[in-house]
């Protein structure tokens, strides 16, 4: 046996990473006939909608986040436009979009 490595290398495939799409939603969400309220801080508007595969999640400025089964991917796609920015990781994106909890209780417009 020799200690030499062949000139060719077969890299391992990277594990499939889920693509997360995000869109701000400044108004109230009325998915079930009543406005959605944050279970942590009771906010009723100014959300970040997150789409991961076929599921839609709601994120509040206080950083509370939950899967909202009544919001469909079709609903998300109606509001989504091409992303303006891309981030290397989820935490950086949440900080940049101000949904990391730092502005809990703050609403815009």
PDB file of N, CA and C in Angstrom:
ATOM      1  N   UNK A   1       0.837  -1.180   0.000  1.00  0.00           N
ATOM      2  CA  UNK A   1       0.000   0.000   0.000  1.00  0.00           C
ATOM      3  C   UNK A   1       0.875   1.232   0.000  1.00  0.00           C
ATOM      4  N   UNK A   2       0.352   2.269  -0.635  1.00  0.00           N
ATOM      5  CA  UNK A   2       1.070   3.536  -0.661  1.00  0.00           C
ATOM      6  C   UNK A   2       0.261   4.597   0.069  1.00  0.00           C
ATOM      7  N   UNK A   3       0.926   5.675   0.419  1.00  0.00           N
ATOM      8  CA  UNK A   3       0.253   6.780   1.108  1.00  0.00           C
ATOM      9  C   UNK A   3      -0.266   7.838   0.130  1.00  0.00           C
ATOM     10  N   UNK A   4      -0.307   7.535  -1.104  1.00  0.00           N
ATOM     11  CA  UNK A   4      -0.711   8.538  -2.067  1.00  0.00           C
ATOM     12  C   UNK A   4      -2.217   8.478  -2.291  1.00  0.00           C
ATOM     13  N   UNK A   5      -2.793   9.656  -2.566  1.00  0.00           N
ATOM     14  CA  UNK A   5      -4.220   9.724  -2.882  1.00  0.00           C
ATOM     15  C   UNK A   5      -4.352   9.873  -4.381  1.00  0.00           C
ATOM     16  N   UNK A   6      -5.334   9.272  -4.948  1.00  0.00           N
ATOM     17  CA  UNK A   6      -5.517   9.418  -6.395  1.00  0.00           C
ATOM     18  C   UNK A   6      -5.823  10.873  -6.752  1.00  0.00           C
ATOM     19  N   UNK A   7      -5.577  11.246  -8.000  1.00  0.00           N
ATOM     20  CA  UNK A   7      -5.784  12.612  -8.462  1.00  0.00           C
ATOM     21  C   UNK A   7      -7.268  12.973  -8.513  1.00  0.00           C
ATOM     22  N   UNK A   8      -8.101  12.008  -8.598  1.00  0.00           N
ATOM     23  CA  UNK A   8      -9.537  12.284  -8.643  1.00  0.00           C
ATOM     24  C   UNK A   8     -10.115  12.149  -7.241  1.00  0.00           C
ATOM     25  N   UNK A   9     -11.162  12.866  -7.010  1.00  0.00           N
ATOM     26  CA  UNK A   9     -11.800  12.851  -5.701  1.00  0.00           C
ATOM     27  C   UNK A   9     -13.308  12.826  -5.914  1.00  0.00           C
ATOM     28  N   UNK A  10     -13.985  11.984  -5.207  1.00  0.00           N
ATOM     29  CA  UNK A  10     -15.443  11.912  -5.290  1.00  0.00           C
ATOM     30  C   UNK A  10     -16.018  12.579  -4.041  1.00  0.00           C
ATOM     31  N   UNK A  11     -16.382  13.847  -4.163  1.00  0.00           N
ATOM     32  CA  UNK A  11     -16.910  14.525  -2.974  1.00  0.00           C
ATOM     33  C   UNK A  11     -18.251  13.930  -2.552  1.00  0.00           C
ATOM     34  N   UNK A  12     -18.452  13.952  -1.273  1.00  0.00           N
ATOM     35  CA  UNK A  12     -19.737  13.489  -0.755  1.00  0.00           C
ATOM     36  C   UNK A  12     -20.794  14.531  -1.098  1.00  0.00           C
ATOM     37  N   UNK A  13     -21.973  14.084  -1.476  1.00  0.00           N
ATOM     38  CA  UNK A  13     -23.006  15.074  -1.750  1.00  0.00           C
ATOM     39  C   UNK A  13     -23.407  15.800  -0.472  1.00  0.00           C
ATOM     40  N   UNK A  14     -23.663  17.092  -0.609  1.00  0.00           N
ATOM     41  CA  UNK A  14     -24.109  17.854   0.544  1.00  0.00           C
ATOM     42  C   UNK A  14     -25.510  17.401   0.928  1.00  0.00           C
ATOM     43  N   UNK A  15     -25.782  17.358   2.221  1.00  0.00           N
ATOM     44  CA  UNK A  15     -27.142  17.008   2.610  1.00  0.00           C
ATOM     45  C   UNK A  15     -28.106  18.058   2.061  1.00  0.00           C
ATOM     46  N   UNK A  16     -29.278  17.612   1.654  1.00  0.00           N
ATOM     47  CA  UNK A  16     -30.257  18.523   1.079  1.00  0.00           C
ATOM     48  C   UNK A  16     -30.734  19.504   2.140  1.00  0.00           C
ATOM     49  N   UNK A  17     -30.534  20.775   1.867  1.00  0.00           N
ATOM     50  CA  UNK A  17     -30.977  21.812   2.796  1.00  0.00           C
ATOM     51  C   UNK A  17     -32.320  22.339   2.327  1.00  0.00           C
ATOM     52  N   UNK A  18     -33.221  22.520   3.253  1.00  0.00           N
ATOM     53  CA  UNK A  18     -34.517  23.068   2.899  1.00  0.00           C
ATOM     54  C   UNK A  18     -34.381  24.538   2.534  1.00  0.00           C
ATOM     55  N   UNK A  19     -35.053  24.932   1.501  1.00  0.00           N
ATOM     56  CA  UNK A  19     -35.081  26.329   1.105  1.00  0.00           C
ATOM     57  C   UNK A  19     -36.179  27.008   1.907  1.00  0.00           C
ATOM     58  N   UNK A  20     -35.851  28.131   2.515  1.00  0.00           N
ATOM     59  CA  UNK A  20     -36.813  28.896   3.291  1.00  0.00           C
ATOM     60  C   UNK A  20     -37.061  30.201   2.559  1.00  0.00           C
ATOM     61  N   UNK A  21     -38.306  30.455   2.213  1.00  0.00           N
ATOM     62  CA  UNK A  21     -38.678  31.716   1.600  1.00  0.00           C
ATOM     63  C   UNK A  21     -39.421  32.532   2.655  1.00  0.00           C
ATOM     64  N   UNK A  22     -39.195  33.831   2.677  1.00  0.00           N
ATOM     65  CA  UNK A  22     -39.804  34.688   3.685  1.00  0.00           C
ATOM     66  C   UNK A  22     -40.428  35.903   3.024  1.00  0.00           C
ATOM     67  N   UNK A  23     -41.574  36.317   3.553  1.00  0.00           N
ATOM     68  CA  UNK A  23     -42.233  37.520   3.068  1.00  0.00           C
ATOM     69  C   UNK A  23     -42.882  38.231   4.254  1.00  0.00           C
ATOM     70  N   UNK A  24     -42.631  39.539   4.399  1.00  0.00           N
ATOM     71  CA  UNK A  24     -43.295  40.290   5.466  1.00  0.00           C
ATOM     72  C   UNK A  24     -44.786  40.430   5.168  1.00  0.00           C
ATOM     73  N   UNK A  25     -45.585  40.430   6.199  1.00  0.00           N
ATOM     74  CA  UNK A  25     -47.026  40.631   6.080  1.00  0.00           C
ATOM     75  C   UNK A  25     -47.426  41.627   7.167  1.00  0.00           C
ATOM     76  N   UNK A  26     -47.501  42.933   6.845  1.00  0.00           N
ATOM     77  CA  UNK A  26     -47.713  43.944   7.872  1.00  0.00           C
ATOM     78  C   UNK A  26     -49.104  43.947   8.495  1.00  0.00           C
ATOM     79  N   UNK A  27     -50.090  43.463   7.790  1.00  0.00           N
ATOM     80  CA  UNK A  27     -51.459  43.506   8.302  1.00  0.00           C
ATOM     81  C   UNK A  27     -51.814  42.298   9.144  1.00  0.00           C
ATOM     82  N   UNK A  28     -53.101  42.232   9.492  1.00  0.00           N
ATOM     83  CA  UNK A  28     -53.601  41.070  10.224  1.00  0.00           C
ATOM     84  C   UNK A  28     -53.706  39.880   9.289  1.00  0.00           C
ATOM     85  N   UNK A  29     -53.654  38.693   9.864  1.00  0.00           N
ATOM     86  CA  UNK A  29     -53.884  37.459   9.131  1.00  0.00           C
ATOM     87  C   UNK A  29     -55.194  36.861   9.635  1.00  0.00           C
ATOM     88  N   UNK A  30     -56.044  36.488   8.702  1.00  0.00           N
ATOM     89  CA  UNK A  30     -57.362  35.985   9.042  1.00  0.00           C
ATOM     90  C   UNK A  30     -57.559  34.616   8.388  1.00  0.00           C
ATOM     91  N   UNK A  31     -56.780  33.656   8.808  1.00  0.00           N
ATOM     92  CA  UNK A  31     -56.803  32.346   8.160  1.00  0.00           C
ATOM     93  C   UNK A  31     -58.007  31.506   8.550  1.00  0.00           C
ATOM     94  N   UNK A  32     -58.539  31.675   9.719  1.00  0.00           N
ATOM     95  CA  UNK A  32     -59.634  30.835  10.215  1.00  0.00           C
ATOM     96  C   UNK A  32     -60.925  31.604  10.448  1.00  0.00           C
ATOM     97  N   UNK A  33     -61.008  32.804   9.925  1.00  0.00           N
ATOM     98  CA  UNK A  33     -62.186  33.619  10.160  1.00  0.00           C
ATOM     99  C   UNK A  33     -62.041  34.550  11.350  1.00  0.00           C
ATOM    100  N   UNK A  34     -60.963  34.381  12.116  1.00  0.00           N
ATOM    101  CA  UNK A  34     -60.639  35.290  13.217  1.00  0.00           C
ATOM    102  C   UNK A  34     -59.169  35.659  13.073  1.00  0.00           C
ATOM    103  N   UNK A  35     -58.789  36.860  13.478  1.00  0.00           N
ATOM    104  CA  UNK A  35     -57.376  37.253  13.332  1.00  0.00           C
ATOM    105  C   UNK A  35     -56.454  36.347  14.150  1.00  0.00           C
ATOM    106  N   UNK A  36     -55.325  36.031  13.546  1.00  0.00           N
ATOM    107  CA  UNK A  36     -54.304  35.248  14.233  1.00  0.00           C
ATOM    108  C   UNK A  36     -53.638  36.142  15.272  1.00  0.00           C
ATOM    109  N   UNK A  37     -53.408  35.603  16.448  1.00  0.00           N
ATOM    110  CA  UNK A  37     -52.762  36.326  17.541  1.00  0.00           C
ATOM    111  C   UNK A  37     -51.532  35.542  17.984  1.00  0.00           C
ATOM    112  N   UNK A  38     -50.442  36.242  18.246  1.00  0.00           N
ATOM    113  CA  UNK A  38     -49.222  35.594  18.718  1.00  0.00           C
ATOM    114  C   UNK A  38     -49.478  34.978  20.087  1.00  0.00           C
ATOM    115  N   UNK A  39     -49.156  33.707  20.264  1.00  0.00           N
ATOM    116  CA  UNK A  39     -49.379  33.064  21.565  1.00  0.00           C
ATOM    117  C   UNK A  39     -48.434  33.558  22.658  1.00  0.00           C
ATOM    118  N   UNK A  40     -47.355  34.234  22.275  1.00  0.00           N
ATOM    119  CA  UNK A  40     -46.381  34.683  23.263  1.00  0.00           C
ATOM    120  C   UNK A  40     -46.604  36.133  23.702  1.00  0.00           C
ATOM    121  N   UNK A  41     -46.896  37.035  22.741  1.00  0.00           N
ATOM    122  CA  UNK A  41     -46.998  38.459  23.099  1.00  0.00           C
ATOM    123  C   UNK A  41     -48.335  39.093  22.738  1.00  0.00           C
ATOM    124  N   UNK A  42     -49.237  38.323  22.154  1.00  0.00           N
ATOM    125  CA  UNK A  42     -50.592  38.755  21.775  1.00  0.00           C
ATOM    126  C   UNK A  42     -50.626  39.754  20.618  1.00  0.00           C
ATOM    127  N   UNK A  43     -49.557  39.882  19.849  1.00  0.00           N
ATOM    128  CA  UNK A  43     -49.579  40.740  18.660  1.00  0.00           C
ATOM    129  C   UNK A  43     -50.623  40.215  17.686  1.00  0.00           C
ATOM    130  N   UNK A  44     -51.223  41.134  16.911  1.00  0.00           N
ATOM    131  CA  UNK A  44     -52.263  40.748  15.959  1.00  0.00           C
ATOM    132  C   UNK A  44     -51.898  41.098  14.519  1.00  0.00           C
ATOM    133  N   UNK A  45     -50.721  41.695  14.313  1.00  0.00           N
ATOM    134  CA  UNK A  45     -50.311  42.044  12.951  1.00  0.00           C
ATOM    135  C   UNK A  45     -48.788  42.164  12.902  1.00  0.00           C
ATOM    136  N   UNK A  46     -48.273  42.413  11.694  1.00  0.00           N
ATOM    137  CA  UNK A  46     -46.845  42.588  11.450  1.00  0.00           C
ATOM    138  C   UNK A  46     -46.096  41.266  11.591  1.00  0.00           C
ATOM    139  N   UNK A  47     -46.347  40.382  10.652  1.00  0.00           N
ATOM    140  CA  UNK A  47     -45.796  39.025  10.668  1.00  0.00           C
ATOM    141  C   UNK A  47     -44.725  38.838   9.614  1.00  0.00           C
ATOM    142  N   UNK A  48     -43.976  37.779   9.774  1.00  0.00           N
ATOM    143  CA  UNK A  48     -43.099  37.280   8.725  1.00  0.00           C
ATOM    144  C   UNK A  48     -43.624  35.893   8.383  1.00  0.00           C
ATOM    145  N   UNK A  49     -44.003  35.692   7.135  1.00  0.00           N
ATOM    146  CA  UNK A  49     -44.465  34.382   6.694  1.00  0.00           C
ATOM    147  C   UNK A  49     -43.275  33.625   6.129  1.00  0.00           C
ATOM    148  N   UNK A  50     -43.116  32.400   6.579  1.00  0.00           N
ATOM    149  CA  UNK A  50     -42.005  31.553   6.144  1.00  0.00           C
ATOM    150  C   UNK A  50     -42.561  30.330   5.439  1.00  0.00           C
ATOM    151  N   UNK A  51     -42.027  30.040   4.280  1.00  0.00           N
ATOM    152  CA  UNK A  51     -42.437  28.857   3.526  1.00  0.00           C
ATOM    153  C   UNK A  51     -41.273  27.884   3.479  1.00  0.00           C
ATOM    154  N   UNK A  52     -41.515  26.687   3.999  1.00  0.00           N
ATOM    155  CA  UNK A  52     -40.539  25.596   3.960  1.00  0.00           C
ATOM    156  C   UNK A  52     -41.252  24.410   3.325  1.00  0.00           C
ATOM    157  N   UNK A  53     -40.799  24.054   2.143  1.00  0.00           N
ATOM    158  CA  UNK A  53     -41.449  23.019   1.345  1.00  0.00           C
ATOM    159  C   UNK A  53     -42.921  23.371   1.154  1.00  0.00           C
ATOM    160  N   UNK A  54     -43.855  22.581   1.634  1.00  0.00           N
ATOM    161  CA  UNK A  54     -45.278  22.866   1.432  1.00  0.00           C
ATOM    162  C   UNK A  54     -45.943  23.467   2.670  1.00  0.00           C
ATOM    163  N   UNK A  55     -45.170  23.772   3.698  1.00  0.00           N
ATOM    164  CA  UNK A  55     -45.736  24.315   4.931  1.00  0.00           C
ATOM    165  C   UNK A  55     -45.476  25.813   5.046  1.00  0.00           C
ATOM    166  N   UNK A  56     -46.397  26.508   5.723  1.00  0.00           N
ATOM    167  CA  UNK A  56     -46.242  27.939   5.983  1.00  0.00           C
ATOM    168  C   UNK A  56     -46.192  28.139   7.491  1.00  0.00           C
ATOM    169  N   UNK A  57     -45.196  28.893   7.928  1.00  0.00           N
ATOM    170  CA  UNK A  57     -45.016  29.231   9.333  1.00  0.00           C
ATOM    171  C   UNK A  57     -45.217  30.731   9.496  1.00  0.00           C
ATOM    172  N   UNK A  58     -45.655  31.140  10.662  1.00  0.00           N
ATOM    173  CA  UNK A  58     -45.812  32.552  11.001  1.00  0.00           C
ATOM    174  C   UNK A  58     -44.774  32.868  12.064  1.00  0.00           C
ATOM    175  N   UNK A  59     -44.097  34.002  11.899  1.00  0.00           N
ATOM    176  CA  UNK A  59     -43.111  34.446  12.887  1.00  0.00           C
ATOM    177  C   UNK A  59     -43.472  35.859  13.306  1.00  0.00           C
ATOM    178  N   UNK A  60     -43.414  36.093  14.604  1.00  0.00           N
ATOM    179  CA  UNK A  60     -43.740  37.377  15.204  1.00  0.00           C
ATOM    180  C   UNK A  60     -42.448  38.148  15.482  1.00  0.00           C
ATOM    181  N   UNK A  61     -42.565  39.446  15.687  1.00  0.00           N
ATOM    182  CA  UNK A  61     -41.385  40.253  16.034  1.00  0.00           C
ATOM    183  C   UNK A  61     -40.751  39.796  17.343  1.00  0.00           C
ATOM    184  N   UNK A  62     -41.535  39.152  18.226  1.00  0.00           N
ATOM    185  CA  UNK A  62     -40.980  38.677  19.497  1.00  0.00           C
ATOM    186  C   UNK A  62     -40.210  37.373  19.315  1.00  0.00           C
ATOM    187  N   UNK A  63     -40.124  36.864  18.090  1.00  0.00           N
ATOM    188  CA  UNK A  63     -39.408  35.645  17.709  1.00  0.00           C
ATOM    189  C   UNK A  63     -40.215  34.376  17.953  1.00  0.00           C
ATOM    190  N   UNK A  64     -41.467  34.492  18.375  1.00  0.00           N
ATOM    191  CA  UNK A  64     -42.329  33.315  18.447  1.00  0.00           C
ATOM    192  C   UNK A  64     -42.622  32.867  17.018  1.00  0.00           C
ATOM    193  N   UNK A  65     -42.633  31.575  16.805  1.00  0.00           N
ATOM    194  CA  UNK A  65     -42.841  31.034  15.466  1.00  0.00           C
ATOM    195  C   UNK A  65     -43.652  29.755  15.572  1.00  0.00           C
ATOM    196  N   UNK A  66     -44.589  29.571  14.675  1.00  0.00           N
ATOM    197  CA  UNK A  66     -45.416  28.370  14.694  1.00  0.00           C
ATOM    198  C   UNK A  66     -45.888  28.043  13.291  1.00  0.00           C
ATOM    199  N   UNK A  67     -46.158  26.754  13.092  1.00  0.00           N
ATOM    200  CA  UNK A  67     -46.735  26.285  11.838  1.00  0.00           C
ATOM    201  C   UNK A  67     -48.202  26.672  11.845  1.00  0.00           C
ATOM    202  N   UNK A  68     -48.646  27.260  10.760  1.00  0.00           N
ATOM    203  CA  UNK A  68     -50.044  27.669  10.646  1.00  0.00           C
ATOM    204  C   UNK A  68     -50.685  26.846   9.533  1.00  0.00           C
ATOM    205  N   UNK A  69     -51.345  25.734   9.882  1.00  0.00           N
ATOM    206  CA  UNK A  69     -51.875  24.829   8.860  1.00  0.00           C
ATOM    207  C   UNK A  69     -52.955  25.453   7.987  1.00  0.00           C
ATOM    208  N   UNK A  70     -53.597  26.525   8.453  1.00  0.00           N
ATOM    209  CA  UNK A  70     -54.643  27.165   7.656  1.00  0.00           C
ATOM    210  C   UNK A  70     -54.088  28.107   6.597  1.00  0.00           C
ATOM    211  N   UNK A  71     -52.808  28.406   6.634  1.00  0.00           N
ATOM    212  CA  UNK A  71     -52.176  29.195   5.581  1.00  0.00           C
ATOM    213  C   UNK A  71     -51.519  28.216   4.618  1.00  0.00           C
ATOM    214  N   UNK A  72     -51.918  28.278   3.383  1.00  0.00           N
ATOM    215  CA  UNK A  72     -51.426  27.338   2.383  1.00  0.00           C
ATOM    216  C   UNK A  72     -50.238  27.910   1.624  1.00  0.00           C
ATOM    217  N   UNK A  73     -49.556  27.031   0.939  1.00  0.00           N
ATOM    218  CA  UNK A  73     -48.453  27.486   0.094  1.00  0.00           C
ATOM    219  C   UNK A  73     -48.989  28.370  -1.034  1.00  0.00           C
ATOM    220  N   UNK A  74     -50.183  28.085  -1.535  1.00  0.00           N
ATOM    221  CA  UNK A  74     -50.781  28.923  -2.578  1.00  0.00           C
ATOM    222  C   UNK A  74     -50.991  30.347  -2.061  1.00  0.00           C
ATOM    223  N   UNK A  75     -51.430  30.488  -0.810  1.00  0.00           N
ATOM    224  CA  UNK A  75     -51.597  31.808  -0.201  1.00  0.00           C
ATOM    225  C   UNK A  75     -50.252  32.511  -0.120  1.00  0.00           C
ATOM    226  N   UNK A  76     -49.231  31.785   0.319  1.00  0.00           N
ATOM    227  CA  UNK A  76     -47.886  32.350   0.411  1.00  0.00           C
ATOM    228  C   UNK A  76     -47.419  32.816  -0.962  1.00  0.00           C
ATOM    229  N   UNK A  77     -47.597  31.973  -1.981  1.00  0.00           N
ATOM    230  CA  UNK A  77     -47.129  32.302  -3.322  1.00  0.00           C
ATOM    231  C   UNK A  77     -47.806  33.552  -3.882  1.00  0.00           C
ATOM    232  N   UNK A  78     -49.030  33.847  -3.463  1.00  0.00           N
ATOM    233  CA  UNK A  78     -49.716  35.058  -3.913  1.00  0.00           C
ATOM    234  C   UNK A  78     -49.013  36.314  -3.414  1.00  0.00           C
ATOM    235  N   UNK A  79     -48.357  36.235  -2.281  1.00  0.00           N
ATOM    236  CA  UNK A  79     -47.722  37.401  -1.662  1.00  0.00           C
ATOM    237  C   UNK A  79     -46.207  37.451  -1.860  1.00  0.00           C
ATOM    238  N   UNK A  80     -45.619  36.364  -2.300  1.00  0.00           N
ATOM    239  CA  UNK A  80     -44.170  36.275  -2.404  1.00  0.00           C
ATOM    240  C   UNK A  80     -43.687  36.868  -3.713  1.00  0.00           C
ATOM    241  N   UNK A  81     -42.624  37.671  -3.632  1.00  0.00           N
ATOM    242  CA  UNK A  81     -41.915  38.139  -4.816  1.00  0.00           C
ATOM    243  C   UNK A  81     -40.486  37.621  -4.700  1.00  0.00           C
ATOM    244  N   UNK A  82     -39.725  37.786  -5.726  1.00  0.00           N
ATOM    245  CA  UNK A  82     -38.340  37.303  -5.685  1.00  0.00           C
ATOM    246  C   UNK A  82     -37.611  37.924  -4.502  1.00  0.00           C
ATOM    247  N   UNK A  83     -36.805  37.140  -3.809  1.00  0.00           N
ATOM    248  CA  UNK A  83     -36.099  37.680  -2.641  1.00  0.00           C
ATOM    249  C   UNK A  83     -35.102  38.763  -3.037  1.00  0.00           C
ATOM    250  N   UNK A  84     -35.013  39.778  -2.183  1.00  0.00           N
ATOM    251  CA  UNK A  84     -34.048  40.851  -2.421  1.00  0.00           C
ATOM    252  C   UNK A  84     -32.680  40.487  -1.874  1.00  0.00           C
ATOM    253  N   UNK A  85     -32.654  39.637  -0.850  1.00  0.00           N
ATOM    254  CA  UNK A  85     -31.403  39.272  -0.196  1.00  0.00           C
ATOM    255  C   UNK A  85     -31.388  37.781   0.082  1.00  0.00           C
ATOM    256  N   UNK A  86     -30.187  37.249   0.221  1.00  0.00           N
ATOM    257  CA  UNK A  86     -29.998  35.874   0.658  1.00  0.00           C
ATOM    258  C   UNK A  86     -29.029  35.898   1.825  1.00  0.00           C
ATOM    259  N   UNK A  87     -29.246  35.022   2.770  1.00  0.00           N
ATOM    260  CA  UNK A  87     -28.394  34.941   3.953  1.00  0.00           C
ATOM    261  C   UNK A  87     -27.816  33.550   4.061  1.00  0.00           C
ATOM    262  N   UNK A  88     -26.694  33.463   4.767  1.00  0.00           N
ATOM    263  CA  UNK A  88     -26.017  32.185   4.927  1.00  0.00           C
ATOM    264  C   UNK A  88     -26.725  31.267   5.916  1.00  0.00           C
ATOM    265  N   UNK A  89     -27.451  31.854   6.867  1.00  0.00           N
ATOM    266  CA  UNK A  89     -28.130  31.006   7.842  1.00  0.00           C
ATOM    267  C   UNK A  89     -29.405  31.685   8.330  1.00  0.00           C
ATOM    268  N   UNK A  90     -30.250  30.907   8.963  1.00  0.00           N
ATOM    269  CA  UNK A  90     -31.561  31.359   9.417  1.00  0.00           C
ATOM    270  C   UNK A  90     -31.453  32.489  10.437  1.00  0.00           C
ATOM    271  N   UNK A  91     -30.554  32.374  11.413  1.00  0.00           N
ATOM    272  CA  UNK A  91     -30.430  33.394  12.458  1.00  0.00           C
ATOM    273  C   UNK A  91     -30.022  34.752  11.880  1.00  0.00           C
ATOM    274  N   UNK A  92     -29.121  34.758  10.929  1.00  0.00           N
ATOM    275  CA  UNK A  92     -28.718  36.011  10.285  1.00  0.00           C
ATOM    276  C   UNK A  92     -29.886  36.646   9.548  1.00  0.00           C
ATOM    277  N   UNK A  93     -30.684  35.838   8.891  1.00  0.00           N
ATOM    278  CA  UNK A  93     -31.856  36.350   8.183  1.00  0.00           C
ATOM    279  C   UNK A  93     -32.852  36.961   9.153  1.00  0.00           C
ATOM    280  N   UNK A  94     -33.098  36.298  10.275  1.00  0.00           N
ATOM    281  CA  UNK A  94     -34.067  36.821  11.239  1.00  0.00           C
ATOM    282  C   UNK A  94     -33.593  38.134  11.855  1.00  0.00           C
ATOM    283  N   UNK A  95     -32.281  38.250  12.116  1.00  0.00           N
ATOM    284  CA  UNK A  95     -31.724  39.515  12.626  1.00  0.00           C
ATOM    285  C   UNK A  95     -31.870  40.617  11.585  1.00  0.00           C
ATOM    286  N   UNK A  96     -31.531  40.323  10.350  1.00  0.00           N
ATOM    287  CA  UNK A  96     -31.590  41.324   9.285  1.00  0.00           C
ATOM    288  C   UNK A  96     -33.023  41.792   9.017  1.00  0.00           C
ATOM    289  N   UNK A  97     -33.980  40.913   9.171  1.00  0.00           N
ATOM    290  CA  UNK A  97     -35.383  41.248   8.923  1.00  0.00           C
ATOM    291  C   UNK A  97     -36.089  41.786  10.162  1.00  0.00           C
ATOM    292  N   UNK A  98     -35.378  41.840  11.292  1.00  0.00           N
ATOM    293  CA  UNK A  98     -35.894  42.351  12.575  1.00  0.00           C
ATOM    294  C   UNK A  98     -36.995  41.468  13.158  1.00  0.00           C
ATOM    295  N   UNK A  99     -36.873  40.161  12.954  1.00  0.00           N
ATOM    296  CA  UNK A  99     -37.797  39.205  13.556  1.00  0.00           C
ATOM    297  C   UNK A  99     -37.053  38.264  14.501  1.00  0.00           C
ATOM    298  N   UNK A 100     -36.019  38.788  15.156  1.00  0.00           N
ATOM    299  CA  UNK A 100     -35.204  37.979  16.057  1.00  0.00           C
ATOM    300  C   UNK A 100     -35.568  38.173  17.527  1.00  0.00           C
ATOM    301  N   UNK A 101     -36.603  38.960  17.794  1.00  0.00           N
ATOM    302  CA  UNK A 101     -37.022  39.190  19.175  1.00  0.00           C
ATOM    303  C   UNK A 101     -36.573  40.519  19.733  1.00  0.00           C
ATOM    304  N   UNK A 102     -35.595  41.155  19.125  1.00  0.00           N
ATOM    305  CA  UNK A 102     -35.080  42.423  19.630  1.00  0.00           C
ATOM    306  C   UNK A 102     -36.154  43.513  19.615  1.00  0.00           C
ATOM    307  N   UNK A 103     -37.010  43.503  18.628  1.00  0.00           N
ATOM    308  CA  UNK A 103     -38.055  44.523  18.501  1.00  0.00           C
ATOM    309  C   UNK A 103     -39.419  43.995  18.939  1.00  0.00           C
ATOM    310  N   UNK A 104     -39.436  43.100  19.889  1.00  0.00           N
ATOM    311  CA  UNK A 104     -40.702  42.554  20.389  1.00  0.00           C
ATOM    312  C   UNK A 104     -41.618  43.675  20.827  1.00  0.00           C
ATOM    313  N   UNK A 105     -42.867  43.616  20.423  1.00  0.00           N
ATOM    314  CA  UNK A 105     -43.843  44.632  20.781  1.00  0.00           C
ATOM    315  C   UNK A 105     -43.890  45.814  19.842  1.00  0.00           C
ATOM    316  N   UNK A 106     -42.991  45.851  18.859  1.00  0.00           N
ATOM    317  CA  UNK A 106     -42.944  46.941  17.896  1.00  0.00           C
ATOM    318  C   UNK A 106     -43.705  46.543  16.655  1.00  0.00           C
ATOM    319  N   UNK A 107     -44.514  47.442  16.144  1.00  0.00           N
ATOM    320  CA  UNK A 107     -45.159  47.217  14.848  1.00  0.00           C
ATOM    321  C   UNK A 107     -44.886  48.413  13.956  1.00  0.00           C
ATOM    322  N   UNK A 108     -44.848  48.185  12.677  1.00  0.00           N
ATOM    323  CA  UNK A 108     -44.561  49.235  11.699  1.00  0.00           C
ATOM    324  C   UNK A 108     -45.843  49.607  10.990  1.00  0.00           C
ATOM    325  N   UNK A 109     -45.982  50.868  10.686  1.00  0.00           N
ATOM    326  CA  UNK A 109     -47.036  51.406   9.845  1.00  0.00           C
ATOM    327  C   UNK A 109     -48.372  51.119  10.319  1.00  0.00           C
TER     328      UNK A 109
END
